[in-house]
Structure formats: structure tokens, C-alpha cells
Amino acid sequence: MHPYIRALLGTTVFAIALGVAGGSGANKLVAALLCGGIAVPLIIVLCGRVDRRPLSDLDLRWSARAFSLGFLVTASSATVTIGSATALGWLRWGPLDLPALLGFLGANAVIAFALEALPEELAFRGYVFQNLRERHKQRWAMAFTTAMFMAAPGLSTVVTAGVAALLGKESPPPSIAPVGEEPISYLLLLGLFGYTLLVARTTTGSLWTNIALHLTFLSANRIVLGRATGAPVEIVAPEALLAVPAYLLITVATFKVIARYRSSTTSVASLRK
């Protein structure tokens, strides 16, 4: 089967899973488990039955080192930009309730892992990217993978509307962006986020770096946007929202430095043999 068709199948699988979860009317945890429970097994089936390749090709083998790197790079980048926005007076923080914040972050991580981090990374930076880079040079495979990643949320809203109609529930009309999001800004940020994840993927060769980056990104954003319990924040100036793309750019730059360092280290080691 042509790699483009395989990539489209992977995108469709995730869009259907996300759409079914959104249209089910279930609470956040059940919807997250529904999404992950549909997308992950189907991607595994596509990999084994359609592609006839081992699951190990998707680089999902657990790596504490790769996971830690993804978390540390993203968290430190976010800290720099959010701290800078605070120092500039763009963000104003209320009293911190650490137990409440930790509780929120824990619950958020469980839901985000099942709903977004695991199925998205397995589908896009795993299955879709693996197929496309067999056909194209890496930079083109990254571009096509990012484009499909950007298209998936819009496709999922069509599925959500259909599922909700079947269940007799109301749902927002299909759209290229979630309700309440400005479409152009949303797609630009999604594209940057997708590119950042692919840079991390190609640097470490492990999807666990991406999963950690994904979870940290979602947590940091919800804190900055005032959606986290225990960390009240006021956005004093709209420029504060630039902290989000700024820390993604720092994350990209950091992973590129790491990749270059690893490449030079490998070259020196090979010369010494």
C-alpha cells in the first residue's frame, strides 16, 4: 500500500477516535479513555496487519531517559518564557495553593495522556511520520506529517457532529478549530507544536520524548491561561500569550543543539575507532 494512503489512514483513525470521544457526551476521563481505546489498538493493527512491520518501528519502547529529556527541555523552556512574561508585568499571579495545583496536574496528566499525548504521538509522530519518511527526505516527511496533524482536529469535528446527532445530542457545527479558538492563531500554534514534536522525535528516536513534551506543553498552557486549579493568574497584557510559541521555539532550538552535539560526538567516536 502506498505510504500516502497509510499516512491518511493513520490520520483518519485518530480523527475518528477523537470525534467519537467528543460526540459521546461522556465526562473528560471517560472520553479520554474512549479516544485512546479506539486510536491506539487501531494504529497497532495498521502497523502489524496493513504495513506488516513490527511495532518496534514506531519507537514506543519505554525509555525513562527519553521521557525525562522531553519533560526537562520543555519545562525549562516554559519556565524561562513564563518567568519573563511575569517579570515584564504581563502576568500577575495570585496565592499559590500547591496541593490543589499538584492535584490538578495529576488529573490533567491522566486525561491528557489518554486523550492526546499517547494516541496523537503514536498516530502522527509514530505511524504517519514513519510511513512518509520512507517515501520522502526527512524535511518533507516532517512537513506532510505536520499538515496532517493540523487537519485532524477539523476532521474530528465532523465525526463529533455525526456521533452527537446519532445520540440525539447537540454539538457545535464542524470547524477547523475548537469552539472559542481563533482559527488562524490556533492552526499556526498547532503547526509550530507539531514541528516541535517532530524535532524532538528525530533527536532522540523515542516517542516517549514526544509524550513527555506533549504533556508538559498542555500543563504549562493551562496554567498560563488560568485553567489550572491552585495557580490563579491574570493576563495583564495580551503579549503574555506570546510566551507559548516562544517556549516552543526555545524547545526546538534546544533539541537541535542536542542533536548536533550527539552527531558530533558520534563522528568523533567513529574516527577514534
C-alpha atoms as a PDB file:
ATOM      1  CA  MET A   1       0.000   0.000   0.000  1.00  0.00           C
ATOM      2  CA  HIS A   2       1.260   3.481  -0.887  1.00  0.00           C
ATOM      3  CA  PRO A   3       2.769   5.440   2.055  1.00  0.00           C
ATOM      4  CA  TYR A   4       0.375   8.356   1.425  1.00  0.00           C
ATOM      5  CA  ILE A   5      -2.608   6.061   1.865  1.00  0.00           C
ATOM      6  CA  ARG A   6      -1.121   4.622   5.037  1.00  0.00           C
ATOM      7  CA  ALA A   7      -0.490   8.117   6.385  1.00  0.00           C
ATOM      8  CA  LEU A   8      -4.059   9.112   5.547  1.00  0.00           C
ATOM      9  CA  LEU A   9      -5.353   6.000   7.321  1.00  0.00           C
ATOM     10  CA  GLY A  10      -3.382   6.890  10.436  1.00  0.00           C
ATOM     11  CA  THR A  11      -4.758  10.439  10.377  1.00  0.00           C
ATOM     12  CA  THR A  12      -8.294   9.175   9.859  1.00  0.00           C
ATOM     13  CA  VAL A  13      -8.037   6.704  12.728  1.00  0.00           C
ATOM     14  CA  PHE A  14      -7.087   9.441  15.165  1.00  0.00           C
ATOM     15  CA  ALA A  15      -9.721  11.860  13.819  1.00  0.00           C
ATOM     16  CA  ILE A  16     -12.424   9.216  14.233  1.00  0.00           C
ATOM     17  CA  ALA A  17     -11.283   8.350  17.760  1.00  0.00           C
ATOM     18  CA  LEU A  18     -11.182  11.998  18.815  1.00  0.00           C
ATOM     19  CA  GLY A  19     -14.516  12.690  17.140  1.00  0.00           C
ATOM     20  CA  VAL A  20     -16.249   9.742  18.802  1.00  0.00           C
ATOM     21  CA  ALA A  21     -14.892  10.818  22.182  1.00  0.00           C
ATOM     22  CA  GLY A  22     -16.078  14.384  21.615  1.00  0.00           C
ATOM     23  CA  GLY A  23     -19.525  13.393  20.439  1.00  0.00           C
ATOM     24  CA  SER A  24     -20.133  10.783  23.130  1.00  0.00           C
ATOM     25  CA  GLY A  25     -21.189  13.333  25.737  1.00  0.00           C
ATOM     26  CA  ALA A  26     -19.114  11.455  28.348  1.00  0.00           C
ATOM     27  CA  ASN A  27     -17.121  13.173  31.074  1.00  0.00           C
ATOM     28  CA  LYS A  28     -13.496  14.064  30.397  1.00  0.00           C
ATOM     29  CA  LEU A  29     -11.955  10.892  31.808  1.00  0.00           C
ATOM     30  CA  VAL A  30     -14.331   8.528  30.015  1.00  0.00           C
ATOM     31  CA  ALA A  31     -13.958  10.492  26.758  1.00  0.00           C
ATOM     32  CA  ALA A  32     -10.164  10.305  27.082  1.00  0.00           C
ATOM     33  CA  LEU A  33     -10.244   6.549  27.676  1.00  0.00           C
ATOM     34  CA  LEU A  34     -12.614   6.169  24.740  1.00  0.00           C
ATOM     35  CA  CYS A  35     -10.284   8.094  22.423  1.00  0.00           C
ATOM     36  CA  GLY A  36      -7.177   6.203  23.481  1.00  0.00           C
ATOM     37  CA  GLY A  37      -9.055   2.899  23.495  1.00  0.00           C
ATOM     38  CA  ILE A  38     -10.069   3.384  19.857  1.00  0.00           C
ATOM     39  CA  ALA A  39      -6.955   5.018  18.383  1.00  0.00           C
ATOM     40  CA  VAL A  40      -4.143   3.017  19.980  1.00  0.00           C
ATOM     41  CA  PRO A  41      -5.373  -0.514  19.093  1.00  0.00           C
ATOM     42  CA  LEU A  42      -6.265   0.556  15.546  1.00  0.00           C
ATOM     43  CA  ILE A  43      -2.829   2.085  14.952  1.00  0.00           C
ATOM     44  CA  ILE A  44      -1.264  -1.133  16.241  1.00  0.00           C
ATOM     45  CA  VAL A  45      -3.457  -3.124  13.829  1.00  0.00           C
ATOM     46  CA  LEU A  46      -2.472  -0.847  10.925  1.00  0.00           C
ATOM     47  CA  CYS A  47       1.184  -1.298  11.777  1.00  0.00           C
ATOM     48  CA  GLY A  48       1.039  -5.083  12.106  1.00  0.00           C
ATOM     49  CA  ARG A  49      -1.652  -6.148   9.638  1.00  0.00           C
ATOM     50  CA  VAL A  50      -1.524  -3.469   6.922  1.00  0.00           C
ATOM     51  CA  ASP A  51       2.163  -2.484   6.975  1.00  0.00           C
ATOM     52  CA  ARG A  52       3.438  -5.901   8.073  1.00  0.00           C
ATOM     53  CA  ARG A  53       6.026  -4.228  10.262  1.00  0.00           C
ATOM     54  CA  PRO A  54       6.966  -4.784  13.924  1.00  0.00           C
ATOM     55  CA  LEU A  55       5.549  -2.350  16.465  1.00  0.00           C
ATOM     56  CA  SER A  56       9.126  -1.530  17.480  1.00  0.00           C
ATOM     57  CA  ASP A  57       9.402   0.514  14.251  1.00  0.00           C
ATOM     58  CA  LEU A  58       7.182   3.134  15.899  1.00  0.00           C
ATOM     59  CA  ASP A  59       9.803   3.642  18.661  1.00  0.00           C
ATOM     60  CA  LEU A  60       7.312   3.234  21.510  1.00  0.00           C
ATOM     61  CA  ARG A  61       9.643   1.136  23.665  1.00  0.00           C
ATOM     62  CA  TRP A  62       9.728   2.701  27.147  1.00  0.00           C
ATOM     63  CA  SER A  63      12.715   4.944  27.866  1.00  0.00           C
ATOM     64  CA  ALA A  64      12.924   6.831  31.151  1.00  0.00           C
ATOM     65  CA  ARG A  65      15.848   8.836  29.780  1.00  0.00           C
ATOM     66  CA  ALA A  66      13.926   9.959  26.683  1.00  0.00           C
ATOM     67  CA  PHE A  67      10.838  10.812  28.737  1.00  0.00           C
ATOM     68  CA  SER A  68      12.890  12.817  31.241  1.00  0.00           C
ATOM     69  CA  LEU A  69      14.618  14.733  28.457  1.00  0.00           C
ATOM     70  CA  GLY A  70      11.301  15.681  26.892  1.00  0.00           C
ATOM     71  CA  PHE A  71       9.978  16.913  30.208  1.00  0.00           C
ATOM     72  CA  LEU A  72      13.102  18.799  31.280  1.00  0.00           C
ATOM     73  CA  VAL A  73      13.645  20.611  27.972  1.00  0.00           C
ATOM     74  CA  THR A  74      10.011  21.684  27.669  1.00  0.00           C
ATOM     75  CA  ALA A  75       9.530  22.590  31.328  1.00  0.00           C
ATOM     76  CA  SER A  76      12.719  24.671  31.479  1.00  0.00           C
ATOM     77  CA  SER A  77      11.812  26.478  28.240  1.00  0.00           C
ATOM     78  CA  ALA A  78       8.326  27.221  29.566  1.00  0.00           C
ATOM     79  CA  THR A  79       9.747  28.439  32.865  1.00  0.00           C
ATOM     80  CA  VAL A  80      12.039  30.892  31.075  1.00  0.00           C
ATOM     81  CA  THR A  81       9.303  32.454  28.942  1.00  0.00           C
ATOM     82  CA  ILE A  82       6.549  32.432  31.578  1.00  0.00           C
ATOM     83  CA  GLY A  83       9.003  33.860  34.110  1.00  0.00           C
ATOM     84  CA  SER A  84       9.980  36.570  31.646  1.00  0.00           C
ATOM     85  CA  ALA A  85       6.316  37.437  30.990  1.00  0.00           C
ATOM     86  CA  THR A  86       5.785  37.693  34.742  1.00  0.00           C
ATOM     87  CA  ALA A  87       8.867  39.880  35.226  1.00  0.00           C
ATOM     88  CA  LEU A  88       7.625  42.196  32.466  1.00  0.00           C
ATOM     89  CA  GLY A  89       4.299  42.555  34.253  1.00  0.00           C
ATOM     90  CA  TRP A  90       2.310  40.759  31.558  1.00  0.00           C
ATOM     91  CA  LEU A  91       1.168  38.097  34.011  1.00  0.00           C
ATOM     92  CA  ARG A  92       0.012  38.638  37.597  1.00  0.00           C
ATOM     93  CA  TRP A  93      -0.166  35.639  39.915  1.00  0.00           C
ATOM     94  CA  GLY A  94      -2.388  35.091  42.941  1.00  0.00           C
ATOM     95  CA  PRO A  95      -1.507  32.997  46.000  1.00  0.00           C
ATOM     96  CA  LEU A  96      -0.283  29.516  45.114  1.00  0.00           C
ATOM     97  CA  ASP A  97      -2.180  26.519  46.501  1.00  0.00           C
ATOM     98  CA  LEU A  98       0.407  23.779  45.934  1.00  0.00           C
ATOM     99  CA  PRO A  99      -1.727  20.722  46.914  1.00  0.00           C
ATOM    100  CA  ALA A 100      -4.560  21.913  44.663  1.00  0.00           C
ATOM    101  CA  LEU A 101      -2.146  22.579  41.794  1.00  0.00           C
ATOM    102  CA  LEU A 102      -0.490  19.168  42.128  1.00  0.00           C
ATOM    103  CA  GLY A 103      -3.898  17.516  42.205  1.00  0.00           C
ATOM    104  CA  PHE A 104      -4.908  19.351  39.050  1.00  0.00           C
ATOM    105  CA  LEU A 105      -1.660  18.472  37.258  1.00  0.00           C
ATOM    106  CA  GLY A 106      -2.020  14.802  38.175  1.00  0.00           C
ATOM    107  CA  ALA A 107      -5.614  14.549  36.953  1.00  0.00           C
ATOM    108  CA  ASN A 108      -4.786  16.605  33.867  1.00  0.00           C
ATOM    109  CA  ALA A 109      -1.846  14.324  33.030  1.00  0.00           C
ATOM    110  CA  VAL A 110      -4.000  11.173  33.164  1.00  0.00           C
ATOM    111  CA  ILE A 111      -6.683  12.640  30.899  1.00  0.00           C
ATOM    112  CA  ALA A 112      -4.214  14.280  28.508  1.00  0.00           C
ATOM    113  CA  PHE A 113      -2.168  11.070  28.230  1.00  0.00           C
ATOM    114  CA  ALA A 114      -5.177   9.002  27.104  1.00  0.00           C
ATOM    115  CA  LEU A 115      -6.907  11.686  25.041  1.00  0.00           C
ATOM    116  CA  GLU A 116      -3.999  13.406  23.314  1.00  0.00           C
ATOM    117  CA  ALA A 117      -0.409  12.537  24.181  1.00  0.00           C
ATOM    118  CA  LEU A 118      -0.369   8.763  23.589  1.00  0.00           C
ATOM    119  CA  PRO A 119      -2.812   8.433  20.656  1.00  0.00           C
ATOM    120  CA  GLU A 120      -1.585  11.567  18.852  1.00  0.00           C
ATOM    121  CA  GLU A 121       2.088  10.681  19.163  1.00  0.00           C
ATOM    122  CA  LEU A 122       1.517   7.069  18.171  1.00  0.00           C
ATOM    123  CA  ALA A 123      -0.609   8.117  15.187  1.00  0.00           C
ATOM    124  CA  PHE A 124       1.342  11.107  13.858  1.00  0.00           C
ATOM    125  CA  ARG A 125       4.947  11.139  15.049  1.00  0.00           C
ATOM    126  CA  GLY A 126       4.864   7.334  15.064  1.00  0.00           C
ATOM    127  CA  TYR A 127       2.781   5.783  12.290  1.00  0.00           C
ATOM    128  CA  VAL A 128       2.267   8.690   9.852  1.00  0.00           C
ATOM    129  CA  PHE A 129       5.830  10.006  10.064  1.00  0.00           C
ATOM    130  CA  GLN A 130       7.356   6.534   9.786  1.00  0.00           C
ATOM    131  CA  ASN A 131       5.474   5.879   6.553  1.00  0.00           C
ATOM    132  CA  LEU A 132       6.138   9.265   4.995  1.00  0.00           C
ATOM    133  CA  ARG A 133       9.871   9.322   5.657  1.00  0.00           C
ATOM    134  CA  GLU A 134      10.200   6.039   3.786  1.00  0.00           C
ATOM    135  CA  ARG A 135       8.979   7.918   0.710  1.00  0.00           C
ATOM    136  CA  HIS A 136      10.488  11.381   1.230  1.00  0.00           C
ATOM    137  CA  LYS A 137      13.504  13.092   2.660  1.00  0.00           C
ATOM    138  CA  GLN A 138      13.072  13.850   6.333  1.00  0.00           C
ATOM    139  CA  ARG A 139      12.201  17.550   5.974  1.00  0.00           C
ATOM    140  CA  TRP A 140       9.356  16.741   3.541  1.00  0.00           C
ATOM    141  CA  ALA A 141       8.085  13.929   5.730  1.00  0.00           C
ATOM    142  CA  MET A 142       8.038  16.394   8.628  1.00  0.00           C
ATOM    143  CA  ALA A 143       6.103  18.944   6.550  1.00  0.00           C
ATOM    144  CA  PHE A 144       3.479  16.420   5.400  1.00  0.00           C
ATOM    145  CA  THR A 145       3.111  14.951   8.888  1.00  0.00           C
ATOM    146  CA  THR A 146       2.577  18.412  10.357  1.00  0.00           C
ATOM    147  CA  ALA A 147      -0.047  19.209   7.704  1.00  0.00           C
ATOM    148  CA  MET A 148      -1.977  16.047   8.554  1.00  0.00           C
ATOM    149  CA  PHE A 149      -1.689  16.811  12.260  1.00  0.00           C
ATOM    150  CA  MET A 150      -3.188  20.251  11.623  1.00  0.00           C
ATOM    151  CA  ALA A 151      -6.052  18.763   9.598  1.00  0.00           C
ATOM    152  CA  ALA A 152      -7.036  16.107  12.145  1.00  0.00           C
ATOM    153  CA  PRO A 153      -8.925  18.344  14.655  1.00  0.00           C
ATOM    154  CA  GLY A 154     -11.119  19.717  11.864  1.00  0.00           C
ATOM    155  CA  LEU A 155     -11.851  16.206  10.586  1.00  0.00           C
ATOM    156  CA  SER A 156     -12.715  15.095  14.103  1.00  0.00           C
ATOM    157  CA  THR A 157     -15.378  17.802  14.449  1.00  0.00           C
ATOM    158  CA  VAL A 158     -17.247  16.247  11.503  1.00  0.00           C
ATOM    159  CA  VAL A 159     -17.226  12.897  13.316  1.00  0.00           C
ATOM    160  CA  THR A 160     -18.251  14.587  16.576  1.00  0.00           C
ATOM    161  CA  ALA A 161     -21.256  16.197  14.905  1.00  0.00           C
ATOM    162  CA  GLY A 162     -22.300  12.867  13.370  1.00  0.00           C
ATOM    163  CA  VAL A 163     -21.959  10.904  16.623  1.00  0.00           C
ATOM    164  CA  ALA A 164     -23.818  13.579  18.604  1.00  0.00           C
ATOM    165  CA  ALA A 165     -26.646  13.548  16.052  1.00  0.00           C
ATOM    166  CA  LEU A 166     -26.940   9.755  16.309  1.00  0.00           C
ATOM    167  CA  LEU A 167     -27.150  10.021  20.093  1.00  0.00           C
ATOM    168  CA  GLY A 168     -29.651  12.848  19.931  1.00  0.00           C
ATOM    169  CA  LYS A 169     -27.258  15.337  21.489  1.00  0.00           C
ATOM    170  CA  GLU A 170     -26.367  18.857  20.429  1.00  0.00           C
ATOM    171  CA  SER A 171     -22.861  19.703  19.263  1.00  0.00           C
ATOM    172  CA  PRO A 172     -21.128  22.690  17.684  1.00  0.00           C
ATOM    173  CA  PRO A 173     -21.000  22.668  13.865  1.00  0.00           C
ATOM    174  CA  PRO A 174     -17.842  21.278  12.215  1.00  0.00           C
ATOM    175  CA  SER A 175     -14.929  23.709  12.273  1.00  0.00           C
ATOM    176  CA  ILE A 176     -11.195  23.806  11.686  1.00  0.00           C
ATOM    177  CA  ALA A 177     -10.627  24.915  15.299  1.00  0.00           C
ATOM    178  CA  PRO A 178     -12.219  24.120  18.668  1.00  0.00           C
ATOM    179  CA  VAL A 179     -15.055  26.305  19.931  1.00  0.00           C
ATOM    180  CA  GLY A 180     -13.719  29.579  21.336  1.00  0.00           C
ATOM    181  CA  GLU A 181     -10.398  29.439  19.452  1.00  0.00           C
ATOM    182  CA  GLU A 182      -9.448  31.927  16.737  1.00  0.00           C
ATOM    183  CA  PRO A 183      -8.878  29.602  13.726  1.00  0.00           C
ATOM    184  CA  ILE A 184      -5.752  31.171  12.216  1.00  0.00           C
ATOM    185  CA  SER A 185      -3.941  31.565  15.542  1.00  0.00           C
ATOM    186  CA  TYR A 186      -4.946  28.049  16.543  1.00  0.00           C
ATOM    187  CA  LEU A 187      -3.649  26.471  13.328  1.00  0.00           C
ATOM    188  CA  LEU A 188      -0.383  28.413  13.429  1.00  0.00           C
ATOM    189  CA  LEU A 189       0.265  27.309  17.000  1.00  0.00           C
ATOM    190  CA  LEU A 190      -0.737  23.737  16.150  1.00  0.00           C
ATOM    191  CA  GLY A 191       1.690  23.738  13.234  1.00  0.00           C
ATOM    192  CA  LEU A 192       4.530  25.012  15.420  1.00  0.00           C
ATOM    193  CA  PHE A 193       3.667  22.449  18.076  1.00  0.00           C
ATOM    194  CA  GLY A 194       3.658  19.640  15.506  1.00  0.00           C
ATOM    195  CA  TYR A 195       7.043  20.735  14.166  1.00  0.00           C
ATOM    196  CA  THR A 196       8.469  20.917  17.698  1.00  0.00           C
ATOM    197  CA  LEU A 197       7.333  17.357  18.386  1.00  0.00           C
ATOM    198  CA  LEU A 198       8.963  16.103  15.184  1.00  0.00           C
ATOM    199  CA  VAL A 199      12.262  17.795  16.049  1.00  0.00           C
ATOM    200  CA  ALA A 200      12.152  16.025  19.420  1.00  0.00           C
ATOM    201  CA  ARG A 201      11.250  12.754  17.688  1.00  0.00           C
ATOM    202  CA  THR A 202      14.170  12.902  15.282  1.00  0.00           C
ATOM    203  CA  THR A 203      16.580  13.955  18.024  1.00  0.00           C
ATOM    204  CA  THR A 204      16.020  11.047  20.419  1.00  0.00           C
ATOM    205  CA  GLY A 205      14.279   8.442  18.240  1.00  0.00           C
ATOM    206  CA  SER A 206      11.759   7.775  21.010  1.00  0.00           C
ATOM    207  CA  LEU A 207       8.062   8.599  21.154  1.00  0.00           C
ATOM    208  CA  TRP A 208       8.397   8.918  24.924  1.00  0.00           C
ATOM    209  CA  THR A 209      10.266  12.188  24.428  1.00  0.00           C
ATOM    210  CA  ASN A 210       7.246  13.411  22.469  1.00  0.00           C
ATOM    211  CA  ILE A 211       4.756  12.154  25.027  1.00  0.00           C
ATOM    212  CA  ALA A 212       6.591  13.982  27.827  1.00  0.00           C
ATOM    213  CA  LEU A 213       6.848  17.144  25.708  1.00  0.00           C
ATOM    214  CA  HIS A 214       3.150  16.894  24.840  1.00  0.00           C
ATOM    215  CA  LEU A 215       2.035  16.502  28.469  1.00  0.00           C
ATOM    216  CA  THR A 216       4.275  19.324  29.672  1.00  0.00           C
ATOM    217  CA  PHE A 217       3.041  21.637  26.900  1.00  0.00           C
ATOM    218  CA  LEU A 218      -0.608  21.031  27.794  1.00  0.00           C
ATOM    219  CA  SER A 219       0.029  21.533  31.517  1.00  0.00           C
ATOM    220  CA  ALA A 220       2.009  24.746  31.038  1.00  0.00           C
ATOM    221  CA  ASN A 221      -0.604  26.193  28.696  1.00  0.00           C
ATOM    222  CA  ARG A 222      -3.461  25.500  31.076  1.00  0.00           C
ATOM    223  CA  ILE A 223      -1.572  27.202  33.889  1.00  0.00           C
ATOM    224  CA  VAL A 224      -0.806  30.289  31.792  1.00  0.00           C
ATOM    225  CA  LEU A 225      -4.387  30.536  30.529  1.00  0.00           C
ATOM    226  CA  GLY A 226      -5.776  30.370  34.062  1.00  0.00           C
ATOM    227  CA  ARG A 227      -7.368  26.951  33.633  1.00  0.00           C
ATOM    228  CA  ALA A 228      -5.364  25.286  36.410  1.00  0.00           C
ATOM    229  CA  THR A 229      -6.658  24.919  39.952  1.00  0.00           C
ATOM    230  CA  GLY A 230      -4.305  26.288  42.607  1.00  0.00           C
ATOM    231  CA  ALA A 231      -2.404  28.765  40.416  1.00  0.00           C
ATOM    232  CA  PRO A 232      -4.613  31.833  39.864  1.00  0.00           C
ATOM    233  CA  VAL A 233      -3.233  34.085  37.153  1.00  0.00           C
ATOM    234  CA  GLU A 234      -4.363  37.266  35.452  1.00  0.00           C
ATOM    235  CA  ILE A 235      -3.272  38.054  31.895  1.00  0.00           C
ATOM    236  CA  VAL A 236      -2.485  41.754  32.245  1.00  0.00           C
ATOM    237  CA  ALA A 237      -1.199  42.253  28.701  1.00  0.00           C
ATOM    238  CA  PRO A 238      -2.094  40.224  25.601  1.00  0.00           C
ATOM    239  CA  GLU A 239       1.628  39.943  24.855  1.00  0.00           C
ATOM    240  CA  ALA A 240       1.738  37.335  27.639  1.00  0.00           C
ATOM    241  CA  LEU A 241       0.224  34.810  25.234  1.00  0.00           C
ATOM    242  CA  LEU A 242       3.429  35.029  23.182  1.00  0.00           C
ATOM    243  CA  ALA A 243       5.071  33.021  25.962  1.00  0.00           C
ATOM    244  CA  VAL A 244       3.545  29.857  24.485  1.00  0.00           C
ATOM    245  CA  PRO A 245       5.045  29.994  20.959  1.00  0.00           C
ATOM    246  CA  ALA A 246       8.213  31.460  22.475  1.00  0.00           C
ATOM    247  CA  TYR A 247       8.880  28.454  24.668  1.00  0.00           C
ATOM    248  CA  LEU A 248       8.134  26.105  21.768  1.00  0.00           C
ATOM    249  CA  LEU A 249      10.802  27.907  19.729  1.00  0.00           C
ATOM    250  CA  ILE A 250      13.258  27.586  22.625  1.00  0.00           C
ATOM    251  CA  THR A 251      12.382  23.892  22.864  1.00  0.00           C
ATOM    252  CA  VAL A 252      13.075  23.449  19.143  1.00  0.00           C
ATOM    253  CA  ALA A 253      16.412  25.255  19.449  1.00  0.00           C
ATOM    254  CA  THR A 254      17.420  23.152  22.454  1.00  0.00           C
ATOM    255  CA  PHE A 255      16.653  19.864  20.739  1.00  0.00           C
ATOM    256  CA  LYS A 256      18.563  20.984  17.649  1.00  0.00           C
ATOM    257  CA  VAL A 257      21.591  21.736  19.826  1.00  0.00           C
ATOM    258  CA  ILE A 258      21.280  18.310  21.442  1.00  0.00           C
ATOM    259  CA  ALA A 259      21.010  16.660  18.017  1.00  0.00           C
ATOM    260  CA  ARG A 260      24.085  18.484  16.756  1.00  0.00           C
ATOM    261  CA  TYR A 261      26.038  17.564  19.889  1.00  0.00           C
ATOM    262  CA  ARG A 262      25.079  13.898  19.548  1.00  0.00           C
ATOM    263  CA  SER A 263      26.043  13.923  15.884  1.00  0.00           C
ATOM    264  CA  SER A 264      29.443  15.451  16.557  1.00  0.00           C
ATOM    265  CA  THR A 265      30.056  13.036  19.446  1.00  0.00           C
ATOM    266  CA  THR A 266      29.191  10.079  17.229  1.00  0.00           C
ATOM    267  CA  SER A 267      31.506  11.372  14.482  1.00  0.00           C
ATOM    268  CA  VAL A 268      34.411  11.782  16.894  1.00  0.00           C
ATOM    269  CA  ALA A 269      33.822   8.317  18.339  1.00  0.00           C
ATOM    270  CA  SER A 270      33.802   6.749  14.867  1.00  0.00           C
ATOM    271  CA  LEU A 271      37.082   8.488  13.978  1.00  0.00           C
ATOM    272  CA  ARG A 272      38.745   7.115  17.087  1.00  0.00           C
ATOM    273  CA  LYS A 273      37.907   3.522  16.168  1.00  0.00           C
END
